[in-house]
């Protein structure tokens, strides 16, 4: 899964922004939610691609990310939210430098993925 597919806008997290409930996402700045979701999606794709395309690994990292908002209240203040986004950007920069933006895997290309029957390059 290349970065452009991982970072594609998704709507599955938008209801969290609009639902009136005691939730760390409710009434947070919209741009922050979108940016954090896109950045996290790239990390989830990286885990998925580098774990033998394990959906379980991607689900565990996604659940850990969501749980982290509760365990460490990163959405409780502007400073904490900006720190979270800065850390995500740093981690993604390292991932892109080491694994590359094309497939987020070492030594793999989209042609290799497609030849193996994968659908990673079809996006």
Foldseek 3Di string as FASTA:
>chain_A
DFLCVLLPFDDPCVVVQVDPDPALNHPADPVLVSLVSSLVSSVLQLQCLVVVNDPVSSVVSVVVVRVCCVVPVLSPDPVSSVVVSVVSVVVVVVQCVVANRQRSHPPDHVVNCVVVVHCSPVD
